[in-house]
PDB file of N, CA and C in Angstrom:
ATOM      1  N   MET A   1     -25.663   2.757   8.150  1.00  0.00           N
ATOM      2  CA  MET A   1     -24.364   2.514   7.549  1.00  0.00           C
ATOM      3  C   MET A   1     -23.468   3.727   7.777  1.00  0.00           C
ATOM      4  N   LEU A   2     -22.235   3.488   8.193  1.00  0.00           N
ATOM      5  CA  LEU A   2     -21.279   4.556   8.408  1.00  0.00           C
ATOM      6  C   LEU A   2     -20.505   4.806   7.126  1.00  0.00           C
ATOM      7  N   SER A   3     -20.201   6.061   6.882  1.00  0.00           N
ATOM      8  CA  SER A   3     -19.506   6.427   5.656  1.00  0.00           C
ATOM      9  C   SER A   3     -18.195   7.121   5.980  1.00  0.00           C
ATOM     10  N   THR A   4     -17.175   6.848   5.161  1.00  0.00           N
ATOM     11  CA  THR A   4     -15.892   7.538   5.293  1.00  0.00           C
ATOM     12  C   THR A   4     -15.716   8.554   4.169  1.00  0.00           C
ATOM     13  N   ASP A   5     -16.824   8.919   3.503  1.00  0.00           N
ATOM     14  CA  ASP A   5     -16.744   9.842   2.378  1.00  0.00           C
ATOM     15  C   ASP A   5     -16.358  11.262   2.808  1.00  0.00           C
ATOM     16  N   ASP A   6     -16.726  11.660   4.026  1.00  0.00           N
ATOM     17  CA  ASP A   6     -16.423  13.005   4.515  1.00  0.00           C
ATOM     18  C   ASP A   6     -14.964  13.032   4.967  1.00  0.00           C
ATOM     19  N   ASP A   7     -14.108  13.809   4.239  1.00  0.00           N
ATOM     20  CA  ASP A   7     -12.675  13.832   4.535  1.00  0.00           C
ATOM     21  C   ASP A   7     -12.366  14.241   5.968  1.00  0.00           C
ATOM     22  N   GLY A   8     -13.145  15.103   6.544  1.00  0.00           N
ATOM     23  CA  GLY A   8     -12.881  15.559   7.904  1.00  0.00           C
ATOM     24  C   GLY A   8     -13.735  14.868   8.935  1.00  0.00           C
ATOM     25  N   GLY A   9     -14.537  13.909   8.513  1.00  0.00           N
ATOM     26  CA  GLY A   9     -15.465  13.233   9.405  1.00  0.00           C
ATOM     27  C   GLY A   9     -14.780  12.275  10.362  1.00  0.00           C
ATOM     28  N   PHE A  10     -15.521  11.886  11.380  1.00  0.00           N
ATOM     29  CA  PHE A  10     -15.003  10.989  12.409  1.00  0.00           C
ATOM     30  C   PHE A  10     -14.503   9.681  11.822  1.00  0.00           C
ATOM     31  N   MET A  11     -15.287   9.047  10.980  1.00  0.00           N
ATOM     32  CA  MET A  11     -14.902   7.749  10.427  1.00  0.00           C
ATOM     33  C   MET A  11     -13.683   7.871   9.521  1.00  0.00           C
ATOM     34  N   SER A  12     -13.601   8.945   8.776  1.00  0.00           N
ATOM     35  CA  SER A  12     -12.453   9.161   7.901  1.00  0.00           C
ATOM     36  C   SER A  12     -11.182   9.344   8.724  1.00  0.00           C
ATOM     37  N   ARG A  13     -11.263  10.135   9.781  1.00  0.00           N
ATOM     38  CA  ARG A  13     -10.103  10.330  10.665  1.00  0.00           C
ATOM     39  C   ARG A  13      -9.722   9.028  11.355  1.00  0.00           C
ATOM     40  N   LEU A  14     -10.709   8.277  11.788  1.00  0.00           N
ATOM     41  CA  LEU A  14     -10.456   6.989  12.435  1.00  0.00           C
ATOM     42  C   LEU A  14      -9.758   6.032  11.470  1.00  0.00           C
ATOM     43  N   ALA A  15     -10.230   5.979  10.239  1.00  0.00           N
ATOM     44  CA  ALA A  15      -9.604   5.125   9.222  1.00  0.00           C
ATOM     45  C   ALA A  15      -8.178   5.575   8.945  1.00  0.00           C
ATOM     46  N   ASP A  16      -7.956   6.887   8.844  1.00  0.00           N
ATOM     47  CA  ASP A  16      -6.606   7.408   8.605  1.00  0.00           C
ATOM     48  C   ASP A  16      -5.668   7.054   9.761  1.00  0.00           C
ATOM     49  N   ASP A  17      -6.164   7.190  10.998  1.00  0.00           N
ATOM     50  CA  ASP A  17      -5.346   6.850  12.169  1.00  0.00           C
ATOM     51  C   ASP A  17      -5.019   5.357  12.194  1.00  0.00           C
ATOM     52  N   PHE A  18      -5.985   4.539  11.855  1.00  0.00           N
ATOM     53  CA  PHE A  18      -5.773   3.089  11.837  1.00  0.00           C
ATOM     54  C   PHE A  18      -4.757   2.715  10.762  1.00  0.00           C
ATOM     55  N   GLU A  19      -4.888   3.323   9.593  1.00  0.00           N
ATOM     56  CA  GLU A  19      -3.927   3.072   8.514  1.00  0.00           C
ATOM     57  C   GLU A  19      -2.514   3.505   8.924  1.00  0.00           C
ATOM     58  N   ALA A  20      -2.412   4.655   9.570  1.00  0.00           N
ATOM     59  CA  ALA A  20      -1.104   5.142  10.015  1.00  0.00           C
ATOM     60  C   ALA A  20      -0.482   4.169  11.012  1.00  0.00           C
ATOM     61  N   ALA A  21      -1.283   3.628  11.918  1.00  0.00           N
ATOM     62  CA  ALA A  21      -0.784   2.658  12.894  1.00  0.00           C
ATOM     63  C   ALA A  21      -0.317   1.384  12.192  1.00  0.00           C
ATOM     64  N   GLN A  22      -1.081   0.919  11.208  1.00  0.00           N
ATOM     65  CA  GLN A  22      -0.694  -0.285  10.472  1.00  0.00           C
ATOM     66  C   GLN A  22       0.624  -0.064   9.723  1.00  0.00           C
ATOM     67  N   LEU A  23       0.775   1.086   9.100  1.00  0.00           N
ATOM     68  CA  LEU A  23       2.005   1.374   8.368  1.00  0.00           C
ATOM     69  C   LEU A  23       3.201   1.514   9.312  1.00  0.00           C
ATOM     70  N   ALA A  24       2.978   2.096  10.485  1.00  0.00           N
ATOM     71  CA  ALA A  24       4.052   2.210  11.473  1.00  0.00           C
ATOM     72  C   ALA A  24       4.478   0.826  11.956  1.00  0.00           C
ATOM     73  N   MET A  25       3.501  -0.054  12.187  1.00  0.00           N
ATOM     74  CA  MET A  25       3.839  -1.427  12.585  1.00  0.00           C
ATOM     75  C   MET A  25       4.606  -2.128  11.474  1.00  0.00           C
ATOM     76  N   GLY A  26       4.237  -1.858  10.237  1.00  0.00           N
ATOM     77  CA  GLY A  26       4.951  -2.435   9.102  1.00  0.00           C
ATOM     78  C   GLY A  26       6.396  -1.979   9.062  1.00  0.00           C
ATOM     79  N   ALA A  27       6.625  -0.708   9.310  1.00  0.00           N
ATOM     80  CA  ALA A  27       7.989  -0.178   9.321  1.00  0.00           C
ATOM     81  C   ALA A  27       8.806  -0.812  10.448  1.00  0.00           C
ATOM     82  N   ASP A  28       8.206  -0.944  11.626  1.00  0.00           N
ATOM     83  CA  ASP A  28       8.892  -1.595  12.752  1.00  0.00           C
ATOM     84  C   ASP A  28       9.200  -3.057  12.437  1.00  0.00           C
ATOM     85  N   THR A  29       8.249  -3.737  11.840  1.00  0.00           N
ATOM     86  CA  THR A  29       8.442  -5.141  11.489  1.00  0.00           C
ATOM     87  C   THR A  29       9.552  -5.285  10.467  1.00  0.00           C
ATOM     88  N   LEU A  30       9.608  -4.378   9.509  1.00  0.00           N
ATOM     89  CA  LEU A  30      10.673  -4.412   8.505  1.00  0.00           C
ATOM     90  C   LEU A  30      12.044  -4.236   9.151  1.00  0.00           C
ATOM     91  N   THR A  31      12.133  -3.330  10.104  1.00  0.00           N
ATOM     92  CA  THR A  31      13.394  -3.122  10.823  1.00  0.00           C
ATOM     93  C   THR A  31      13.811  -4.401  11.549  1.00  0.00           C
ATOM     94  N   GLN A  32      12.859  -5.024  12.242  1.00  0.00           N
ATOM     95  CA  GLN A  32      13.166  -6.262  12.971  1.00  0.00           C
ATOM     96  C   GLN A  32      13.516  -7.393  12.008  1.00  0.00           C
ATOM     97  N   ALA A  33      12.808  -7.459  10.874  1.00  0.00           N
ATOM     98  CA  ALA A  33      13.089  -8.510   9.887  1.00  0.00           C
ATOM     99  C   ALA A  33      14.492  -8.375   9.339  1.00  0.00           C
ATOM    100  N   SER A  34      14.918  -7.152   9.111  1.00  0.00           N
ATOM    101  CA  SER A  34      16.277  -6.928   8.609  1.00  0.00           C
ATOM    102  C   SER A  34      17.312  -7.438   9.606  1.00  0.00           C
ATOM    103  N   LYS A  35      17.061  -7.196  10.896  1.00  0.00           N
ATOM    104  CA  LYS A  35      17.982  -7.675  11.930  1.00  0.00           C
ATOM    105  C   LYS A  35      18.049  -9.205  11.937  1.00  0.00           C
ATOM    106  N   VAL A  36      16.891  -9.850  11.840  1.00  0.00           N
ATOM    107  CA  VAL A  36      16.852 -11.325  11.842  1.00  0.00           C
ATOM    108  C   VAL A  36      17.580 -11.871  10.619  1.00  0.00           C
ATOM    109  N   LEU A  37      17.337 -11.282   9.471  1.00  0.00           N
ATOM    110  CA  LEU A  37      17.953 -11.786   8.246  1.00  0.00           C
ATOM    111  C   LEU A  37      19.449 -11.494   8.185  1.00  0.00           C
ATOM    112  N   ASP A  38      19.892 -10.413   8.823  1.00  0.00           N
ATOM    113  CA  ASP A  38      21.320 -10.087   8.851  1.00  0.00           C
ATOM    114  C   ASP A  38      22.099 -10.994   9.805  1.00  0.00           C
ATOM    115  N   ASP A  39      21.402 -11.594  10.761  1.00  0.00           N
ATOM    116  CA  ASP A  39      22.050 -12.458  11.752  1.00  0.00           C
ATOM    117  C   ASP A  39      22.143 -13.883  11.211  1.00  0.00           C
ATOM    118  N   LEU A  40      23.337 -14.296  10.878  1.00  0.00           N
ATOM    119  CA  LEU A  40      23.532 -15.641  10.326  1.00  0.00           C
ATOM    120  C   LEU A  40      23.173 -16.737  11.324  1.00  0.00           C
ATOM    121  N   MET A  41      23.055 -16.394  12.597  1.00  0.00           N
ATOM    122  CA  MET A  41      22.719 -17.373  13.630  1.00  0.00           C
ATOM    123  C   MET A  41      21.211 -17.448  13.903  1.00  0.00           C
ATOM    124  N   SER A  42      20.412 -16.707  13.156  1.00  0.00           N
ATOM    125  CA  SER A  42      18.958 -16.768  13.334  1.00  0.00           C
ATOM    126  C   SER A  42      18.476 -18.185  13.050  1.00  0.00           C
ATOM    127  N   THR A  43      17.578 -18.639  13.900  1.00  0.00           N
ATOM    128  CA  THR A  43      17.052 -19.998  13.728  1.00  0.00           C
ATOM    129  C   THR A  43      15.970 -20.024  12.656  1.00  0.00           C
ATOM    130  N   HIS A  44      15.658 -21.224  12.209  1.00  0.00           N
ATOM    131  CA  HIS A  44      14.583 -21.417  11.233  1.00  0.00           C
ATOM    132  C   HIS A  44      13.272 -20.848  11.790  1.00  0.00           C
ATOM    133  N   ALA A  45      13.011 -21.076  13.070  1.00  0.00           N
ATOM    134  CA  ALA A  45      11.778 -20.588  13.690  1.00  0.00           C
ATOM    135  C   ALA A  45      11.721 -19.059  13.692  1.00  0.00           C
ATOM    136  N   GLU A  46      12.855 -18.402  13.958  1.00  0.00           N
ATOM    137  CA  GLU A  46      12.889 -16.937  13.955  1.00  0.00           C
ATOM    138  C   GLU A  46      12.630 -16.386  12.561  1.00  0.00           C
ATOM    139  N   VAL A  47      13.239 -16.995  11.571  1.00  0.00           N
ATOM    140  CA  VAL A  47      13.051 -16.542  10.189  1.00  0.00           C
ATOM    141  C   VAL A  47      11.608 -16.765   9.759  1.00  0.00           C
ATOM    142  N   ARG A  48      11.063 -17.920  10.097  1.00  0.00           N
ATOM    143  CA  ARG A  48       9.669 -18.218   9.734  1.00  0.00           C
ATOM    144  C   ARG A  48       8.709 -17.233  10.406  1.00  0.00           C
ATOM    145  N   TYR A  49       8.895 -16.999  11.705  1.00  0.00           N
ATOM    146  CA  TYR A  49       8.047 -16.059  12.430  1.00  0.00           C
ATOM    147  C   TYR A  49       8.130 -14.667  11.805  1.00  0.00           C
ATOM    148  N   THR A  50       9.352 -14.252  11.493  1.00  0.00           N
ATOM    149  CA  THR A  50       9.561 -12.939  10.872  1.00  0.00           C
ATOM    150  C   THR A  50       8.839 -12.839   9.532  1.00  0.00           C
ATOM    151  N   LEU A  51       8.940 -13.886   8.742  1.00  0.00           N
ATOM    152  CA  LEU A  51       8.269 -13.877   7.442  1.00  0.00           C
ATOM    153  C   LEU A  51       6.750 -13.816   7.602  1.00  0.00           C
ATOM    154  N   LEU A  52       6.220 -14.494   8.596  1.00  0.00           N
ATOM    155  CA  LEU A  52       4.777 -14.422   8.851  1.00  0.00           C
ATOM    156  C   LEU A  52       4.358 -12.997   9.197  1.00  0.00           C
ATOM    157  N   ARG A  53       5.135 -12.319  10.051  1.00  0.00           N
ATOM    158  CA  ARG A  53       4.817 -10.935  10.426  1.00  0.00           C
ATOM    159  C   ARG A  53       4.931 -10.005   9.222  1.00  0.00           C
ATOM    160  N   VAL A  54       5.977 -10.186   8.410  1.00  0.00           N
ATOM    161  CA  VAL A  54       6.158  -9.343   7.221  1.00  0.00           C
ATOM    162  C   VAL A  54       4.993  -9.561   6.251  1.00  0.00           C
ATOM    163  N   THR A  55       4.549 -10.798   6.112  1.00  0.00           N
ATOM    164  CA  THR A  55       3.413 -11.107   5.235  1.00  0.00           C
ATOM    165  C   THR A  55       2.151 -10.396   5.720  1.00  0.00           C
ATOM    166  N   GLU A  56       1.930 -10.398   7.028  1.00  0.00           N
ATOM    167  CA  GLU A  56       0.767  -9.690   7.584  1.00  0.00           C
ATOM    168  C   GLU A  56       0.849  -8.195   7.287  1.00  0.00           C
ATOM    169  N   CYS A  57       2.030  -7.626   7.471  1.00  0.00           N
ATOM    170  CA  CYS A  57       2.200  -6.190   7.232  1.00  0.00           C
ATOM    171  C   CYS A  57       2.041  -5.838   5.758  1.00  0.00           C
ATOM    172  N   LEU A  58       2.545  -6.691   4.884  1.00  0.00           N
ATOM    173  CA  LEU A  58       2.383  -6.441   3.453  1.00  0.00           C
ATOM    174  C   LEU A  58       0.912  -6.529   3.061  1.00  0.00           C
ATOM    175  N   THR A  59       0.196  -7.475   3.634  1.00  0.00           N
ATOM    176  CA  THR A  59      -1.250  -7.581   3.385  1.00  0.00           C
ATOM    177  C   THR A  59      -1.953  -6.294   3.802  1.00  0.00           C
ATOM    178  N   ASP A  60      -1.604  -5.783   4.989  1.00  0.00           N
ATOM    179  CA  ASP A  60      -2.195  -4.524   5.458  1.00  0.00           C
ATOM    180  C   ASP A  60      -1.857  -3.371   4.517  1.00  0.00           C
ATOM    181  N   ALA A  61      -0.592  -3.284   4.104  1.00  0.00           N
ATOM    182  CA  ALA A  61      -0.173  -2.193   3.218  1.00  0.00           C
ATOM    183  C   ALA A  61      -0.899  -2.243   1.880  1.00  0.00           C
ATOM    184  N   LEU A  62      -1.069  -3.437   1.340  1.00  0.00           N
ATOM    185  CA  LEU A  62      -1.796  -3.573   0.070  1.00  0.00           C
ATOM    186  C   LEU A  62      -3.268  -3.209   0.239  1.00  0.00           C
ATOM    187  N   ARG A  63      -3.849  -3.574   1.370  1.00  0.00           N
ATOM    188  CA  ARG A  63      -5.247  -3.224   1.645  1.00  0.00           C
ATOM    189  C   ARG A  63      -5.385  -1.709   1.743  1.00  0.00           C
ATOM    190  N   ILE A  64      -4.428  -1.059   2.393  1.00  0.00           N
ATOM    191  CA  ILE A  64      -4.456   0.402   2.515  1.00  0.00           C
ATOM    192  C   ILE A  64      -4.322   1.051   1.139  1.00  0.00           C
ATOM    193  N   ALA A  65      -3.387   0.558   0.338  1.00  0.00           N
ATOM    194  CA  ALA A  65      -3.190   1.119  -1.006  1.00  0.00           C
ATOM    195  C   ALA A  65      -4.453   0.966  -1.840  1.00  0.00           C
ATOM    196  N   GLU A  66      -5.078  -0.186  -1.767  1.00  0.00           N
ATOM    197  CA  GLU A  66      -6.312  -0.406  -2.527  1.00  0.00           C
ATOM    198  C   GLU A  66      -7.420   0.515  -2.030  1.00  0.00           C
ATOM    199  N   SER A  67      -7.546   0.628  -0.721  1.00  0.00           N
ATOM    200  CA  SER A  67      -8.573   1.487  -0.137  1.00  0.00           C
ATOM    201  C   SER A  67      -8.374   2.941  -0.544  1.00  0.00           C
ATOM    202  N   ARG A  68      -7.142   3.401  -0.479  1.00  0.00           N
ATOM    203  CA  ARG A  68      -6.860   4.791  -0.867  1.00  0.00           C
ATOM    204  C   ARG A  68      -7.085   4.995  -2.355  1.00  0.00           C
ATOM    205  N   GLY A  69      -6.767   3.999  -3.148  1.00  0.00           N
ATOM    206  CA  GLY A  69      -7.003   4.094  -4.588  1.00  0.00           C
ATOM    207  C   GLY A  69      -8.482   4.200  -4.907  1.00  0.00           C
ATOM    208  N   LEU A  70      -9.298   3.481  -4.145  1.00  0.00           N
ATOM    209  CA  LEU A  70     -10.740   3.548  -4.366  1.00  0.00           C
ATOM    210  C   LEU A  70     -11.313   4.902  -3.970  1.00  0.00           C
ATOM    211  N   ARG A  71     -10.625   5.596  -3.046  1.00  0.00           N
ATOM    212  CA  ARG A  71     -11.101   6.908  -2.616  1.00  0.00           C
ATOM    213  C   ARG A  71     -10.741   8.012  -3.589  1.00  0.00           C
ATOM    214  N   LEU A  72      -9.783   7.756  -4.467  1.00  0.00           N
ATOM    215  CA  LEU A  72      -9.405   8.777  -5.438  1.00  0.00           C
ATOM    216  C   LEU A  72     -10.496   8.903  -6.482  1.00  0.00           C
ATOM    217  N   SER A  73     -10.782  10.116  -6.871  1.00  0.00           N
ATOM    218  CA  SER A  73     -11.790  10.297  -7.905  1.00  0.00           C
ATOM    219  C   SER A  73     -11.166   9.999  -9.262  1.00  0.00           C
ATOM    220  N   VAL A  74     -11.923   9.378 -10.104  1.00  0.00           N
ATOM    221  CA  VAL A  74     -11.465   9.052 -11.450  1.00  0.00           C
ATOM    222  C   VAL A  74     -11.899  10.174 -12.371  1.00  0.00           C
ATOM    223  N   PRO A  75     -10.944  10.821 -13.046  1.00  0.00           N
ATOM    224  CA  PRO A  75     -11.327  11.922 -13.937  1.00  0.00           C
ATOM    225  C   PRO A  75     -12.162  11.392 -15.104  1.00  0.00           C
ATOM    226  N   GLU A  76     -13.060  12.241 -15.538  1.00  0.00           N
ATOM    227  CA  GLU A  76     -13.878  11.864 -16.688  1.00  0.00           C
ATOM    228  C   GLU A  76     -12.991  11.766 -17.914  1.00  0.00           C
ATOM    229  N   SER A  77     -13.240  10.751 -18.743  1.00  0.00           N
ATOM    230  CA  SER A  77     -12.401  10.580 -19.928  1.00  0.00           C
ATOM    231  C   SER A  77     -12.802  11.595 -20.991  1.00  0.00           C
ATOM    232  N   SER A  78     -11.804  12.054 -21.716  1.00  0.00           N
ATOM    233  CA  SER A  78     -12.045  12.977 -22.814  1.00  0.00           C
ATOM    234  C   SER A  78     -11.757  12.238 -24.112  1.00  0.00           C
ATOM    235  N   GLU A  79     -11.936  12.919 -25.218  1.00  0.00           N
ATOM    236  CA  GLU A  79     -11.658  12.287 -26.514  1.00  0.00           C
ATOM    237  C   GLU A  79     -10.191  11.918 -26.625  1.00  0.00           C
ATOM    238  N   ASP A  80      -9.292  12.742 -26.048  1.00  0.00           N
ATOM    239  CA  ASP A  80      -7.867  12.438 -26.082  1.00  0.00           C
ATOM    240  C   ASP A  80      -7.573  11.141 -25.341  1.00  0.00           C
ATOM    241  N   ASP A  81      -8.239  10.926 -24.193  1.00  0.00           N
ATOM    242  CA  ASP A  81      -8.051   9.698 -23.429  1.00  0.00           C
ATOM    243  C   ASP A  81      -8.506   8.488 -24.223  1.00  0.00           C
ATOM    244  N   GLU A  82      -9.607   8.645 -24.958  1.00  0.00           N
ATOM    245  CA  GLU A  82     -10.119   7.527 -25.758  1.00  0.00           C
ATOM    246  C   GLU A  82      -9.139   7.161 -26.851  1.00  0.00           C
ATOM    247  N   ASP A  83      -8.473   8.178 -27.446  1.00  0.00           N
ATOM    248  CA  ASP A  83      -7.479   7.890 -28.476  1.00  0.00           C
ATOM    249  C   ASP A  83      -6.301   7.133 -27.876  1.00  0.00           C
ATOM    250  N   ASP A  84      -5.897   7.483 -26.645  1.00  0.00           N
ATOM    251  CA  ASP A  84      -4.796   6.800 -25.979  1.00  0.00           C
ATOM    252  C   ASP A  84      -5.114   5.338 -25.729  1.00  0.00           C
ATOM    253  N   GLU A  85      -6.378   5.017 -25.451  1.00  0.00           N
ATOM    254  CA  GLU A  85      -6.768   3.651 -25.152  1.00  0.00           C
ATOM    255  C   GLU A  85      -6.614   2.739 -26.357  1.00  0.00           C
ATOM    256  N   THR A  86      -6.713   3.278 -27.568  1.00  0.00           N
ATOM    257  CA  THR A  86      -6.602   2.448 -28.755  1.00  0.00           C
ATOM    258  C   THR A  86      -5.159   2.271 -29.193  1.00  0.00           C
ATOM    259  N   ASP A  87      -4.234   3.016 -28.586  1.00  0.00           N
ATOM    260  CA  ASP A  87      -2.812   2.913 -28.905  1.00  0.00           C
ATOM    261  C   ASP A  87      -2.254   1.665 -28.240  1.00  0.00           C
ATOM    262  N   ASP A  88      -1.786   0.711 -29.032  1.00  0.00           N
ATOM    263  CA  ASP A  88      -1.288  -0.549 -28.500  1.00  0.00           C
ATOM    264  C   ASP A  88       0.184  -0.508 -28.147  1.00  0.00           C
ATOM    265  N   SER A  89       0.869   0.620 -28.361  1.00  0.00           N
ATOM    266  CA  SER A  89       2.291   0.682 -28.054  1.00  0.00           C
ATOM    267  C   SER A  89       2.499   0.701 -26.543  1.00  0.00           C
ATOM    268  N   PRO A  90       3.602   0.095 -26.068  1.00  0.00           N
ATOM    269  CA  PRO A  90       3.857   0.075 -24.630  1.00  0.00           C
ATOM    270  C   PRO A  90       4.074   1.490 -24.102  1.00  0.00           C
ATOM    271  N   GLN A  91       3.571   1.759 -22.928  1.00  0.00           N
ATOM    272  CA  GLN A  91       3.688   3.067 -22.313  1.00  0.00           C
ATOM    273  C   GLN A  91       4.713   3.001 -21.179  1.00  0.00           C
ATOM    274  N   GLN A  92       5.551   4.009 -21.095  1.00  0.00           N
ATOM    275  CA  GLN A  92       6.524   4.109 -20.018  1.00  0.00           C
ATOM    276  C   GLN A  92       5.920   4.946 -18.894  1.00  0.00           C
ATOM    277  N   PRO A  93       6.217   4.582 -17.643  1.00  0.00           N
ATOM    278  CA  PRO A  93       5.762   5.440 -16.538  1.00  0.00           C
ATOM    279  C   PRO A  93       6.372   6.830 -16.657  1.00  0.00           C
ATOM    280  N   ALA A  94       5.681   7.821 -16.167  1.00  0.00           N
ATOM    281  CA  ALA A  94       6.135   9.199 -16.273  1.00  0.00           C
ATOM    282  C   ALA A  94       7.492   9.402 -15.608  1.00  0.00           C
ATOM    283  N   GLU A  95       7.737   8.698 -14.479  1.00  0.00           N
ATOM    284  CA  GLU A  95       8.999   8.869 -13.779  1.00  0.00           C
ATOM    285  C   GLU A  95      10.173   8.321 -14.593  1.00  0.00           C
ATOM    286  N   ALA A  96       9.916   7.320 -15.417  1.00  0.00           N
ATOM    287  CA  ALA A  96      10.994   6.653 -16.143  1.00  0.00           C
ATOM    288  C   ALA A  96      11.390   7.389 -17.415  1.00  0.00           C
ATOM    289  N   SER A  97      10.539   8.276 -17.894  1.00  0.00           N
ATOM    290  CA  SER A  97      10.860   8.947 -19.160  1.00  0.00           C
ATOM    291  C   SER A  97      11.953   9.973 -18.942  1.00  0.00           C
ATOM    292  N   VAL A  98      12.810  10.098 -19.950  1.00  0.00           N
ATOM    293  CA  VAL A  98      13.969  10.998 -19.845  1.00  0.00           C
ATOM    294  C   VAL A  98      13.725  12.239 -20.645  1.00  0.00           C
TER     295      VAL A  98
END
């Protein structure tokens, strides 16, 4: 079994390169999709094809995000974290707080 656990290892670099290529294709597809959607003369077939490509790229991006999330280490919970879990009040994201 091959492992990507080693950050500098061959498989890890290969996975990073593959992810970078997928994200670059997603960016290119987004640029092309914008052109198709901005053109009022785009045919139904062009719009449908574009949406299929965008869907593929979004699937890849979500897979990459999930994969990277799984690679992040989860900090051990402390007593303070346990107290936060019992708090039922809605939490605001850190970026949104003023």
